[in-house]
């Protein structure tokens, strides 16, 4: 299934509406990140929200960082609390709005990004962008949500399976559309990368619920 402009707008509206109230809790493994990247590295946070991860990196000495997000209100929030961070709003996934050359970044972070991108065409487009922007041998730090077979998640996966023709996509009451992935789907999504590290974990969502998740370190081929 391919997305349409209304879906992108729906997601943007959802994130704008909650931009001031939600706190993200999925862990960023700085201790792992620092094993691969020095503080001089060029880093992109794709789907940066209000800059939570870039703030952690800033405190750890990483200054060559940039964040992008489709929610202008998330970016406004981020700039208000972290005015020293380089944060940019983009329309949809229009990377031409922020001029990044090919082979620019030593690392790209996608922290719970793909849960917000339910359709395969959009996923492939973003993966292609990531591959182009990463330097040869650069790293993708990928964190996202897995299908969780508890009663709460099974009910909503089943409820929306017919609408989206996919088990794992669901809607929240206030309008956001999300996707939880099987480990096979994650492997397929990252199939063009060399997977260096892959760990499953239990994450706390922004609404305070426990959900299975995965953390991967993937490397672009040299």
C-alpha atoms as a PDB file:
ATOM      1  CA  UNK A   1       0.000   0.000   0.000  1.00  0.00           C
ATOM      2  CA  UNK A   2       1.301   3.442  -0.888  1.00  0.00           C
ATOM      3  CA  UNK A   3       0.683   6.588   1.088  1.00  0.00           C
ATOM      4  CA  UNK A   4      -1.088   9.666  -0.229  1.00  0.00           C
ATOM      5  CA  UNK A   5      -0.589  13.303   0.681  1.00  0.00           C
ATOM      6  CA  UNK A   6      -3.590  13.213   3.079  1.00  0.00           C
ATOM      7  CA  UNK A   7      -1.853  10.494   5.130  1.00  0.00           C
ATOM      8  CA  UNK A   8       1.322  12.582   5.415  1.00  0.00           C
ATOM      9  CA  UNK A   9      -0.776  15.562   6.456  1.00  0.00           C
ATOM     10  CA  UNK A  10      -2.669  13.424   8.967  1.00  0.00           C
ATOM     11  CA  UNK A  11       0.591  12.330  10.576  1.00  0.00           C
ATOM     12  CA  UNK A  12       1.912  15.893  10.675  1.00  0.00           C
ATOM     13  CA  UNK A  13      -1.301  17.152  12.279  1.00  0.00           C
ATOM     14  CA  UNK A  14      -1.151  14.376  14.874  1.00  0.00           C
ATOM     15  CA  UNK A  15       2.418  15.198  15.905  1.00  0.00           C
ATOM     16  CA  UNK A  16       1.732  18.935  15.944  1.00  0.00           C
ATOM     17  CA  UNK A  17      -1.217  18.424  18.273  1.00  0.00           C
ATOM     18  CA  UNK A  18       0.825  16.483  20.839  1.00  0.00           C
ATOM     19  CA  UNK A  19       4.143  18.283  20.351  1.00  0.00           C
ATOM     20  CA  UNK A  20       4.006  20.143  23.665  1.00  0.00           C
ATOM     21  CA  UNK A  21       2.768  17.332  25.895  1.00  0.00           C
ATOM     22  CA  UNK A  22       4.488  14.060  25.004  1.00  0.00           C
ATOM     23  CA  UNK A  23       7.851  12.835  26.265  1.00  0.00           C
ATOM     24  CA  UNK A  24       9.655  10.097  24.362  1.00  0.00           C
ATOM     25  CA  UNK A  25      11.055   7.213  26.368  1.00  0.00           C
ATOM     26  CA  UNK A  26      12.625   4.747  23.938  1.00  0.00           C
ATOM     27  CA  UNK A  27      16.256   4.392  25.019  1.00  0.00           C
ATOM     28  CA  UNK A  28      19.169   5.776  23.049  1.00  0.00           C
ATOM     29  CA  UNK A  29      22.263   3.658  23.603  1.00  0.00           C
ATOM     30  CA  UNK A  30      24.935   6.338  23.830  1.00  0.00           C
ATOM     31  CA  UNK A  31      27.431   3.836  25.187  1.00  0.00           C
ATOM     32  CA  UNK A  32      27.076   1.804  21.986  1.00  0.00           C
ATOM     33  CA  UNK A  33      26.989   4.843  19.711  1.00  0.00           C
ATOM     34  CA  UNK A  34      30.252   6.173  21.130  1.00  0.00           C
ATOM     35  CA  UNK A  35      32.000   2.896  20.306  1.00  0.00           C
ATOM     36  CA  UNK A  36      31.555   3.618  16.606  1.00  0.00           C
ATOM     37  CA  UNK A  37      31.590   7.439  16.298  1.00  0.00           C
ATOM     38  CA  UNK A  38      33.977  10.066  17.600  1.00  0.00           C
ATOM     39  CA  UNK A  39      32.688  13.503  18.701  1.00  0.00           C
ATOM     40  CA  UNK A  40      33.863  14.942  15.360  1.00  0.00           C
ATOM     41  CA  UNK A  41      31.441  12.760  13.381  1.00  0.00           C
ATOM     42  CA  UNK A  42      28.714  14.269  11.179  1.00  0.00           C
ATOM     43  CA  UNK A  43      25.369  12.985  12.447  1.00  0.00           C
ATOM     44  CA  UNK A  44      21.762  13.244  11.253  1.00  0.00           C
ATOM     45  CA  UNK A  45      18.745  12.459  13.419  1.00  0.00           C
ATOM     46  CA  UNK A  46      15.976  11.635  10.926  1.00  0.00           C
ATOM     47  CA  UNK A  47      12.671  12.225  12.734  1.00  0.00           C
ATOM     48  CA  UNK A  48      14.282  14.149  15.583  1.00  0.00           C
ATOM     49  CA  UNK A  49      11.093  15.324  17.295  1.00  0.00           C
ATOM     50  CA  UNK A  50      12.032  17.935  19.890  1.00  0.00           C
ATOM     51  CA  UNK A  51      15.731  17.025  19.767  1.00  0.00           C
ATOM     52  CA  UNK A  52      15.931  14.611  22.693  1.00  0.00           C
ATOM     53  CA  UNK A  53      18.628  12.396  21.162  1.00  0.00           C
ATOM     54  CA  UNK A  54      20.673  15.269  19.773  1.00  0.00           C
ATOM     55  CA  UNK A  55      20.643  16.844  23.226  1.00  0.00           C
ATOM     56  CA  UNK A  56      22.119  13.631  24.672  1.00  0.00           C
ATOM     57  CA  UNK A  57      24.785  13.703  21.979  1.00  0.00           C
ATOM     58  CA  UNK A  58      25.468  17.397  22.591  1.00  0.00           C
ATOM     59  CA  UNK A  59      26.093  16.736  26.268  1.00  0.00           C
ATOM     60  CA  UNK A  60      28.493  13.944  25.267  1.00  0.00           C
ATOM     61  CA  UNK A  61      30.532  16.323  23.073  1.00  0.00           C
ATOM     62  CA  UNK A  62      28.977  15.676  19.651  1.00  0.00           C
ATOM     63  CA  UNK A  63      28.496  19.066  17.987  1.00  0.00           C
ATOM     64  CA  UNK A  64      28.326  18.290  14.234  1.00  0.00           C
ATOM     65  CA  UNK A  65      24.695  17.213  14.379  1.00  0.00           C
ATOM     66  CA  UNK A  66      21.472  18.072  12.587  1.00  0.00           C
ATOM     67  CA  UNK A  67      17.876  16.987  13.102  1.00  0.00           C
ATOM     68  CA  UNK A  68      14.883  16.961  10.752  1.00  0.00           C
ATOM     69  CA  UNK A  69      11.182  16.340  11.388  1.00  0.00           C
ATOM     70  CA  UNK A  70       7.844  16.786   9.614  1.00  0.00           C
ATOM     71  CA  UNK A  71       6.259  18.408  12.685  1.00  0.00           C
ATOM     72  CA  UNK A  72       6.967  22.110  12.731  1.00  0.00           C
ATOM     73  CA  UNK A  73       5.701  22.327  16.307  1.00  0.00           C
ATOM     74  CA  UNK A  74       8.115  19.633  17.447  1.00  0.00           C
ATOM     75  CA  UNK A  75      10.929  21.655  15.881  1.00  0.00           C
ATOM     76  CA  UNK A  76       9.675  24.848  17.535  1.00  0.00           C
ATOM     77  CA  UNK A  77       9.635  23.059  20.890  1.00  0.00           C
ATOM     78  CA  UNK A  78      13.122  21.710  20.308  1.00  0.00           C
ATOM     79  CA  UNK A  79      14.540  25.098  19.385  1.00  0.00           C
ATOM     80  CA  UNK A  80      12.932  26.712  22.411  1.00  0.00           C
ATOM     81  CA  UNK A  81      14.492  24.296  24.905  1.00  0.00           C
ATOM     82  CA  UNK A  82      17.714  23.595  22.975  1.00  0.00           C
ATOM     83  CA  UNK A  83      18.475  26.751  20.920  1.00  0.00           C
ATOM     84  CA  UNK A  84      22.022  25.548  20.215  1.00  0.00           C
ATOM     85  CA  UNK A  85      20.798  22.483  18.279  1.00  0.00           C
ATOM     86  CA  UNK A  86      20.546  22.486  14.481  1.00  0.00           C
ATOM     87  CA  UNK A  87      16.912  21.459  13.932  1.00  0.00           C
ATOM     88  CA  UNK A  88      14.891  21.768  10.700  1.00  0.00           C
ATOM     89  CA  UNK A  89      11.282  21.269   9.698  1.00  0.00           C
ATOM     90  CA  UNK A  90      10.670  19.476   6.385  1.00  0.00           C
ATOM     91  CA  UNK A  91       7.431  18.970   4.461  1.00  0.00           C
ATOM     92  CA  UNK A  92       6.775  15.254   4.236  1.00  0.00           C
ATOM     93  CA  UNK A  93      10.110  13.710   3.311  1.00  0.00           C
ATOM     94  CA  UNK A  94      11.276  16.473   0.990  1.00  0.00           C
ATOM     95  CA  UNK A  95      14.988  16.396   1.638  1.00  0.00           C
ATOM     96  CA  UNK A  96      15.530  19.169  -0.914  1.00  0.00           C
ATOM     97  CA  UNK A  97      14.326  21.590   1.754  1.00  0.00           C
ATOM     98  CA  UNK A  98      17.538  20.931   3.680  1.00  0.00           C
ATOM     99  CA  UNK A  99      20.478  20.605   1.326  1.00  0.00           C
ATOM    100  CA  UNK A 100      22.352  17.411   2.145  1.00  0.00           C
ATOM    101  CA  UNK A 101      24.843  16.099  -0.373  1.00  0.00           C
ATOM    102  CA  UNK A 102      25.437  12.421  -0.969  1.00  0.00           C
ATOM    103  CA  UNK A 103      27.924  10.754   1.379  1.00  0.00           C
ATOM    104  CA  UNK A 104      27.521  13.532   3.976  1.00  0.00           C
ATOM    105  CA  UNK A 105      26.966  11.738   7.265  1.00  0.00           C
ATOM    106  CA  UNK A 106      29.044   9.340   9.324  1.00  0.00           C
ATOM    107  CA  UNK A 107      25.886   8.212  11.108  1.00  0.00           C
ATOM    108  CA  UNK A 108      22.117   8.543  10.789  1.00  0.00           C
ATOM    109  CA  UNK A 109      19.763   7.885  13.680  1.00  0.00           C
ATOM    110  CA  UNK A 110      16.168   6.714  13.230  1.00  0.00           C
ATOM    111  CA  UNK A 111      14.720   6.591  16.722  1.00  0.00           C
ATOM    112  CA  UNK A 112      11.194   5.179  16.485  1.00  0.00           C
ATOM    113  CA  UNK A 113      10.886   6.717  13.024  1.00  0.00           C
ATOM    114  CA  UNK A 114       9.557   3.795  11.020  1.00  0.00           C
ATOM    115  CA  UNK A 115       6.698   3.091  13.417  1.00  0.00           C
ATOM    116  CA  UNK A 116       5.302   6.378  12.057  1.00  0.00           C
ATOM    117  CA  UNK A 117       5.751   5.248   8.429  1.00  0.00           C
ATOM    118  CA  UNK A 118       3.241   2.436   7.893  1.00  0.00           C
ATOM    119  CA  UNK A 119       3.506   1.984   4.117  1.00  0.00           C
ATOM    120  CA  UNK A 120       6.228   0.182   2.218  1.00  0.00           C
ATOM    121  CA  UNK A 121       6.741   2.733  -0.556  1.00  0.00           C
ATOM    122  CA  UNK A 122       7.509   5.459   1.965  1.00  0.00           C
ATOM    123  CA  UNK A 123       9.780   3.158   3.946  1.00  0.00           C
ATOM    124  CA  UNK A 124      11.789   2.282   0.851  1.00  0.00           C
ATOM    125  CA  UNK A 125      12.049   5.946  -0.121  1.00  0.00           C
ATOM    126  CA  UNK A 126      13.482   6.886   3.266  1.00  0.00           C
ATOM    127  CA  UNK A 127      15.888   3.952   3.302  1.00  0.00           C
ATOM    128  CA  UNK A 128      17.122   5.063  -0.116  1.00  0.00           C
ATOM    129  CA  UNK A 129      17.623   8.614   1.187  1.00  0.00           C
ATOM    130  CA  UNK A 130      19.555   7.256   4.154  1.00  0.00           C
ATOM    131  CA  UNK A 131      21.805   5.194   1.904  1.00  0.00           C
ATOM    132  CA  UNK A 132      22.544   8.214  -0.272  1.00  0.00           C
ATOM    133  CA  UNK A 133      23.303  10.536   2.641  1.00  0.00           C
ATOM    134  CA  UNK A 134      25.519   8.091   4.529  1.00  0.00           C
ATOM    135  CA  UNK A 135      29.192   7.927   3.745  1.00  0.00           C
ATOM    136  CA  UNK A 136      30.519   4.537   2.596  1.00  0.00           C
ATOM    137  CA  UNK A 137      30.966   2.558   5.772  1.00  0.00           C
ATOM    138  CA  UNK A 138      28.660   4.938   7.662  1.00  0.00           C
ATOM    139  CA  UNK A 139      26.303   3.703  10.369  1.00  0.00           C
ATOM    140  CA  UNK A 140      22.539   3.594  10.756  1.00  0.00           C
ATOM    141  CA  UNK A 141      21.381   3.469  14.374  1.00  0.00           C
ATOM    142  CA  UNK A 142      17.898   2.012  14.099  1.00  0.00           C
ATOM    143  CA  UNK A 143      15.432   1.741  16.981  1.00  0.00           C
ATOM    144  CA  UNK A 144      11.803   0.759  16.507  1.00  0.00           C
ATOM    145  CA  UNK A 145       8.793  -1.180  17.724  1.00  0.00           C
ATOM    146  CA  UNK A 146       8.047  -4.857  17.173  1.00  0.00           C
ATOM    147  CA  UNK A 147       4.736  -6.672  17.012  1.00  0.00           C
ATOM    148  CA  UNK A 148       3.816  -7.409  20.622  1.00  0.00           C
ATOM    149  CA  UNK A 149       1.420 -10.327  21.204  1.00  0.00           C
ATOM    150  CA  UNK A 150      -0.341  -9.013  24.305  1.00  0.00           C
ATOM    151  CA  UNK A 151      -4.109  -8.593  24.410  1.00  0.00           C
ATOM    152  CA  UNK A 152      -4.020  -4.813  23.969  1.00  0.00           C
ATOM    153  CA  UNK A 153      -1.922  -4.890  20.825  1.00  0.00           C
ATOM    154  CA  UNK A 154      -3.524  -7.985  19.319  1.00  0.00           C
ATOM    155  CA  UNK A 155      -6.915  -6.269  19.557  1.00  0.00           C
ATOM    156  CA  UNK A 156      -5.817  -3.173  17.667  1.00  0.00           C
ATOM    157  CA  UNK A 157      -3.752  -5.072  15.091  1.00  0.00           C
ATOM    158  CA  UNK A 158      -6.832  -7.186  14.335  1.00  0.00           C
ATOM    159  CA  UNK A 159      -9.199  -4.216  14.340  1.00  0.00           C
ATOM    160  CA  UNK A 160      -7.274  -2.376  11.608  1.00  0.00           C
ATOM    161  CA  UNK A 161      -5.913  -5.343   9.640  1.00  0.00           C
ATOM    162  CA  UNK A 162      -8.690  -5.250   7.049  1.00  0.00           C
ATOM    163  CA  UNK A 163      -8.538  -1.468   6.592  1.00  0.00           C
ATOM    164  CA  UNK A 164      -4.784  -1.431   5.929  1.00  0.00           C
ATOM    165  CA  UNK A 165      -4.427  -4.974   4.577  1.00  0.00           C
ATOM    166  CA  UNK A 166      -1.630  -5.572   7.041  1.00  0.00           C
ATOM    167  CA  UNK A 167      -1.351  -7.041  10.530  1.00  0.00           C
ATOM    168  CA  UNK A 168       0.572  -4.624  12.724  1.00  0.00           C
ATOM    169  CA  UNK A 169      -0.751  -1.270  11.480  1.00  0.00           C
ATOM    170  CA  UNK A 170      -3.151   0.526  13.795  1.00  0.00           C
ATOM    171  CA  UNK A 171      -4.621   3.927  14.607  1.00  0.00           C
ATOM    172  CA  UNK A 172      -4.631   5.865  17.855  1.00  0.00           C
ATOM    173  CA  UNK A 173      -7.893   7.512  18.953  1.00  0.00           C
ATOM    174  CA  UNK A 174      -6.512  11.001  18.294  1.00  0.00           C
ATOM    175  CA  UNK A 175      -5.579  10.262  14.703  1.00  0.00           C
ATOM    176  CA  UNK A 176      -2.012   8.928  14.368  1.00  0.00           C
ATOM    177  CA  UNK A 177      -1.341   5.837  12.246  1.00  0.00           C
ATOM    178  CA  UNK A 178       1.420   3.532  13.441  1.00  0.00           C
ATOM    179  CA  UNK A 179       3.037   0.239  12.572  1.00  0.00           C
ATOM    180  CA  UNK A 180       4.706  -2.443  14.634  1.00  0.00           C
ATOM    181  CA  UNK A 181       7.049  -4.752  12.732  1.00  0.00           C
ATOM    182  CA  UNK A 182       7.962  -8.408  12.712  1.00  0.00           C
ATOM    183  CA  UNK A 183      11.669  -9.151  12.964  1.00  0.00           C
ATOM    184  CA  UNK A 184      11.490 -10.493   9.413  1.00  0.00           C
ATOM    185  CA  UNK A 185      10.149  -7.137   8.200  1.00  0.00           C
ATOM    186  CA  UNK A 186      12.992  -5.320   9.954  1.00  0.00           C
ATOM    187  CA  UNK A 187      15.520  -7.636   8.297  1.00  0.00           C
ATOM    188  CA  UNK A 188      13.981  -6.935   4.899  1.00  0.00           C
ATOM    189  CA  UNK A 189      13.901  -3.183   5.545  1.00  0.00           C
ATOM    190  CA  UNK A 190      17.622  -3.188   6.381  1.00  0.00           C
ATOM    191  CA  UNK A 191      18.632  -5.786   3.805  1.00  0.00           C
ATOM    192  CA  UNK A 192      21.015  -3.428   1.958  1.00  0.00           C
ATOM    193  CA  UNK A 193      23.050  -2.854   5.134  1.00  0.00           C
ATOM    194  CA  UNK A 194      25.445  -5.027   7.072  1.00  0.00           C
ATOM    195  CA  UNK A 195      23.856  -5.675  10.466  1.00  0.00           C
ATOM    196  CA  UNK A 196      26.546  -5.382  13.110  1.00  0.00           C
ATOM    197  CA  UNK A 197      24.332  -5.489  16.193  1.00  0.00           C
ATOM    198  CA  UNK A 198      20.693  -6.409  16.740  1.00  0.00           C
ATOM    199  CA  UNK A 199      19.054  -6.596  20.169  1.00  0.00           C
ATOM    200  CA  UNK A 200      15.421  -6.984  21.167  1.00  0.00           C
ATOM    201  CA  UNK A 201      14.244  -5.009  24.174  1.00  0.00           C
ATOM    202  CA  UNK A 202      11.090  -3.887  25.941  1.00  0.00           C
ATOM    203  CA  UNK A 203      10.337  -0.197  25.386  1.00  0.00           C
ATOM    204  CA  UNK A 204       8.029   2.209  27.151  1.00  0.00           C
ATOM    205  CA  UNK A 205       5.904   4.102  24.638  1.00  0.00           C
ATOM    206  CA  UNK A 206       5.094   7.819  24.825  1.00  0.00           C
ATOM    207  CA  UNK A 207       1.733   6.776  26.318  1.00  0.00           C
ATOM    208  CA  UNK A 208       3.387   4.738  29.058  1.00  0.00           C
ATOM    209  CA  UNK A 209       2.733   1.260  27.692  1.00  0.00           C
ATOM    210  CA  UNK A 210       5.273  -1.553  27.417  1.00  0.00           C
ATOM    211  CA  UNK A 211       5.933  -2.810  23.891  1.00  0.00           C
ATOM    212  CA  UNK A 212       8.568  -5.025  22.327  1.00  0.00           C
ATOM    213  CA  UNK A 213      11.267  -3.214  20.391  1.00  0.00           C
ATOM    214  CA  UNK A 214      14.503  -3.669  18.502  1.00  0.00           C
ATOM    215  CA  UNK A 215      17.808  -1.790  18.398  1.00  0.00           C
ATOM    216  CA  UNK A 216      20.149  -2.314  15.444  1.00  0.00           C
ATOM    217  CA  UNK A 217      23.480  -0.964  14.341  1.00  0.00           C
ATOM    218  CA  UNK A 218      23.669  -1.295  10.557  1.00  0.00           C
ATOM    219  CA  UNK A 219      26.560  -0.282   8.314  1.00  0.00           C
ATOM    220  CA  UNK A 220      26.443   0.959   4.756  1.00  0.00           C
ATOM    221  CA  UNK A 221      28.659  -1.091   2.514  1.00  0.00           C
ATOM    222  CA  UNK A 222      31.987   0.511   1.708  1.00  0.00           C
END
